[in-house]
């Protein structure tokens, strides 16, 4: 069963708390100097930036929306009926990332199309009406914005902002090893804030 994005992006299951609270234990003096109920968001965010993507990404590759490039269009429809995207790989064994298909690509595939008058040569418009979109590779976007597994959260956020994309495939030497979304990063940063509050209360009791 394919899970929805809302099911995937829950508050648990993506990294051990130790990976996040390590941010808080670097400088305990930062906690001690704060007033009661005060949160040093700038301090937390600056250190959150430095975390490697590996610490916050979705690592369950088996649970990601993935299809091989030769998969039929019907399989694309099946996944995008409950998800907003599907990663396209060379094959399930290598997991070499070659493209992505989004709802926008599906709309282009389904919208009524007309052949421009006086057109010469092959038709460049991909449409089921023209019978030139039969497989996933026929409609995928191959120009991808990716993030390497050991690169920092700061780079992922910068790329999301620059390219206006809210999810990135995480790769290691071209192999798909996970994904990271803006919603997931927000959830993980929220964990940091909550652990910060817990640590602060412990310091106040001493």
Protein backbone atom coordinates (compact mmCIF):
# COMPACT_ATOMS: atom_id res chain seq x y z
CA UNK A 1 0.00 0.00 0.00
CA UNK A 2 1.31 3.47 -0.91
CA UNK A 3 1.15 5.92 1.96
CA UNK A 4 0.15 9.53 1.59
CA UNK A 5 2.58 12.40 2.16
CA UNK A 6 0.74 13.27 5.37
CA UNK A 7 1.26 9.74 6.68
CA UNK A 8 4.94 9.82 5.78
CA UNK A 9 5.67 13.15 7.44
CA UNK A 10 4.80 12.25 11.03
CA UNK A 11 6.69 13.40 14.10
CA UNK A 12 8.55 10.13 14.51
CA UNK A 13 10.71 7.66 12.71
CA UNK A 14 13.32 9.66 10.84
CA UNK A 15 16.25 10.09 13.21
CA UNK A 16 17.18 9.28 16.76
CA UNK A 17 16.77 12.17 19.21
CA UNK A 18 20.51 11.99 19.95
CA UNK A 19 21.27 13.29 16.45
CA UNK A 20 19.27 16.41 17.17
CA UNK A 21 19.95 17.06 20.84
CA UNK A 22 23.67 16.98 20.13
CA UNK A 23 23.05 20.55 18.98
CA UNK A 24 21.94 21.45 22.48
CA UNK A 25 24.76 19.85 24.40
CA UNK A 26 27.60 21.66 22.63
CA UNK A 27 27.28 24.81 24.75
CA UNK A 28 25.27 24.38 27.92
CA UNK A 29 26.16 27.94 28.84
CA UNK A 30 23.80 29.03 26.06
CA UNK A 31 20.96 27.42 27.99
CA UNK A 32 22.04 28.84 31.35
CA UNK A 33 22.18 32.45 30.16
CA UNK A 34 18.59 32.47 28.90
CA UNK A 35 15.74 33.85 30.92
CA UNK A 36 12.92 31.61 32.02
CA UNK A 37 10.76 30.42 29.08
CA UNK A 38 13.13 32.13 26.63
CA UNK A 39 14.21 30.20 23.53
CA UNK A 40 17.37 31.01 21.59
CA UNK A 41 15.98 30.29 18.13
CA UNK A 42 18.96 31.85 16.34
CA UNK A 43 21.40 29.61 18.22
CA UNK A 44 19.35 26.49 17.50
CA UNK A 45 18.89 27.32 13.84
CA UNK A 46 22.57 28.08 13.23
CA UNK A 47 23.51 24.66 14.59
CA UNK A 48 20.60 22.95 12.84
CA UNK A 49 22.06 24.23 9.56
CA UNK A 50 25.22 22.23 10.21
CA UNK A 51 23.52 18.86 10.60
CA UNK A 52 24.18 16.44 7.71
CA UNK A 53 21.14 15.58 5.64
CA UNK A 54 21.68 11.96 6.66
CA UNK A 55 20.58 12.87 10.19
CA UNK A 56 17.19 14.27 9.17
CA UNK A 57 16.18 12.65 5.86
CA UNK A 58 13.68 9.91 5.17
CA UNK A 59 15.87 6.81 5.10
CA UNK A 60 13.19 4.25 4.29
CA UNK A 61 13.91 3.96 0.58
CA UNK A 62 11.50 1.06 0.31
CA UNK A 63 8.70 3.42 1.36
CA UNK A 64 9.50 6.15 -1.18
CA UNK A 65 7.52 6.56 -4.43
CA UNK A 66 9.90 4.94 -6.93
CA UNK A 67 9.45 3.53 -10.42
CA UNK A 68 11.86 2.19 -13.02
CA UNK A 69 12.21 4.28 -16.15
CA UNK A 70 10.60 1.56 -18.28
CA UNK A 71 7.50 1.36 -16.03
CA UNK A 72 4.19 1.80 -17.88
CA UNK A 73 2.19 5.03 -17.60
CA UNK A 74 -0.50 3.15 -15.68
CA UNK A 75 1.98 2.65 -12.81
CA UNK A 76 2.69 6.38 -12.79
CA UNK A 77 -1.05 7.08 -12.49
CA UNK A 78 -1.30 4.57 -9.64
CA UNK A 79 1.37 6.27 -7.51
CA UNK A 80 0.39 9.86 -8.32
CA UNK A 81 -3.20 9.11 -7.35
CA UNK A 82 -2.01 9.29 -3.73
CA UNK A 83 1.37 11.04 -3.92
CA UNK A 84 2.61 14.34 -5.38
CA UNK A 85 5.69 12.91 -7.07
CA UNK A 86 7.49 9.74 -8.05
CA UNK A 87 11.25 9.29 -8.38
CA UNK A 88 12.38 7.52 -11.55
CA UNK A 89 15.38 5.19 -11.36
CA UNK A 90 17.29 3.17 -13.91
CA UNK A 91 16.24 -0.01 -12.14
CA UNK A 92 15.27 -1.07 -8.62
CA UNK A 93 18.61 -2.84 -8.08
CA UNK A 94 20.96 0.05 -8.83
CA UNK A 95 18.55 2.82 -7.74
CA UNK A 96 20.44 5.18 -10.06
CA UNK A 97 18.31 8.33 -10.09
CA UNK A 98 17.40 9.50 -13.59
CA UNK A 99 14.30 11.65 -13.19
CA UNK A 100 11.14 12.69 -11.40
CA UNK A 101 7.47 12.92 -12.37
CA UNK A 102 5.18 15.36 -10.58
CA UNK A 103 1.50 16.30 -10.74
CA UNK A 104 2.47 19.06 -13.18
CA UNK A 105 3.94 16.52 -15.59
CA UNK A 106 0.77 14.46 -15.32
CA UNK A 107 -1.36 17.49 -16.13
CA UNK A 108 0.69 18.12 -19.27
CA UNK A 109 0.11 14.49 -20.22
CA UNK A 110 -3.67 14.61 -19.79
CA UNK A 111 -4.59 18.12 -20.97
CA UNK A 112 -6.18 18.28 -24.45
CA UNK A 113 -3.46 19.02 -27.00
CA UNK A 114 -3.52 20.15 -30.60
CA UNK A 115 -0.77 19.75 -33.15
CA UNK A 116 0.40 23.22 -34.25
CA UNK A 117 -0.53 23.93 -37.88
CA UNK A 118 2.25 23.57 -40.44
CA UNK A 119 4.38 21.59 -37.98
CA UNK A 120 7.13 19.58 -39.64
CA UNK A 121 8.88 16.51 -38.27
CA UNK A 122 8.22 14.59 -35.08
CA UNK A 123 5.85 15.88 -32.41
CA UNK A 124 7.67 17.19 -29.34
CA UNK A 125 4.52 17.47 -27.19
CA UNK A 126 4.16 14.48 -24.88
CA UNK A 127 0.56 13.34 -24.76
CA UNK A 128 -1.38 10.11 -24.56
CA UNK A 129 -3.42 11.48 -27.45
CA UNK A 130 -0.34 11.37 -29.69
CA UNK A 131 0.71 7.94 -28.40
CA UNK A 132 4.20 9.18 -27.60
CA UNK A 133 3.92 8.85 -23.81
CA UNK A 134 3.82 5.17 -22.98
CA UNK A 135 6.45 4.82 -20.25
CA UNK A 136 7.69 6.75 -17.23
CA UNK A 137 10.83 7.87 -19.05
CA UNK A 138 8.70 9.51 -21.75
CA UNK A 139 7.33 12.16 -19.38
CA UNK A 140 9.88 12.40 -16.57
CA UNK A 141 11.92 15.51 -15.86
CA UNK A 142 15.59 14.55 -16.05
CA UNK A 143 17.08 17.88 -14.89
CA UNK A 144 17.06 17.25 -11.16
CA UNK A 145 18.05 19.29 -8.12
CA UNK A 146 19.59 16.84 -5.67
CA UNK A 147 21.39 16.89 -2.32
CA UNK A 148 24.28 14.62 -1.33
CA UNK A 149 23.76 12.55 1.81
CA UNK A 150 26.68 14.09 3.74
CA UNK A 151 25.93 17.71 2.81
CA UNK A 152 24.44 20.05 5.45
CA UNK A 153 20.84 21.04 6.02
CA UNK A 154 21.79 24.61 5.13
CA UNK A 155 22.55 23.56 1.54
CA UNK A 156 19.23 21.74 1.21
CA UNK A 157 17.29 24.80 2.40
CA UNK A 158 19.27 27.06 0.06
CA UNK A 159 18.49 24.83 -2.93
CA UNK A 160 14.81 24.60 -2.03
CA UNK A 161 14.60 28.39 -1.88
CA UNK A 162 16.64 28.99 -5.04
CA UNK A 163 14.82 26.47 -7.23
CA UNK A 164 11.39 26.79 -5.58
CA UNK A 165 11.17 23.07 -4.88
CA UNK A 166 10.00 21.73 -1.54
CA UNK A 167 11.45 18.22 -1.73
CA UNK A 168 14.86 16.99 -2.74
CA UNK A 169 16.11 13.49 -3.55
CA UNK A 170 19.06 12.51 -1.39
CA UNK A 171 21.79 10.77 -3.37
CA UNK A 172 25.10 9.07 -2.78
CA UNK A 173 27.22 8.71 -5.93
CA UNK A 174 24.09 9.01 -8.06
CA UNK A 175 22.17 6.37 -6.10
CA UNK A 176 18.86 7.35 -4.48
CA UNK A 177 19.17 6.81 -0.73
CA UNK A 178 16.31 8.95 0.61
CA UNK A 179 14.50 12.26 0.32
CA UNK A 180 14.08 15.42 2.35
CA UNK A 181 11.14 17.82 2.31
CA UNK A 182 10.61 21.27 3.77
CA UNK A 183 7.88 19.83 5.97
CA UNK A 184 10.25 17.19 7.31
CA UNK A 185 12.88 19.84 8.10
CA UNK A 186 10.25 21.85 9.98
CA UNK A 187 9.30 18.75 11.97
CA UNK A 188 12.93 18.02 12.83
CA UNK A 189 13.57 21.62 13.87
CA UNK A 190 10.50 21.43 16.08
CA UNK A 191 12.10 18.41 17.76
CA UNK A 192 15.19 20.50 18.44
CA UNK A 193 13.08 23.23 20.05
CA UNK A 194 11.23 20.73 22.24
CA UNK A 195 14.45 19.05 23.38
CA UNK A 196 15.87 22.49 24.08
CA UNK A 197 12.96 23.19 26.43
CA UNK A 198 13.54 19.87 28.22
CA UNK A 199 17.26 20.56 28.65
CA UNK A 200 16.54 24.09 29.86
CA UNK A 201 14.16 22.84 32.53
CA UNK A 202 16.77 20.34 33.70
CA UNK A 203 19.36 23.12 33.97
CA UNK A 204 16.94 25.29 35.94
CA UNK A 205 16.45 22.51 38.51
CA UNK A 206 20.18 22.32 39.25
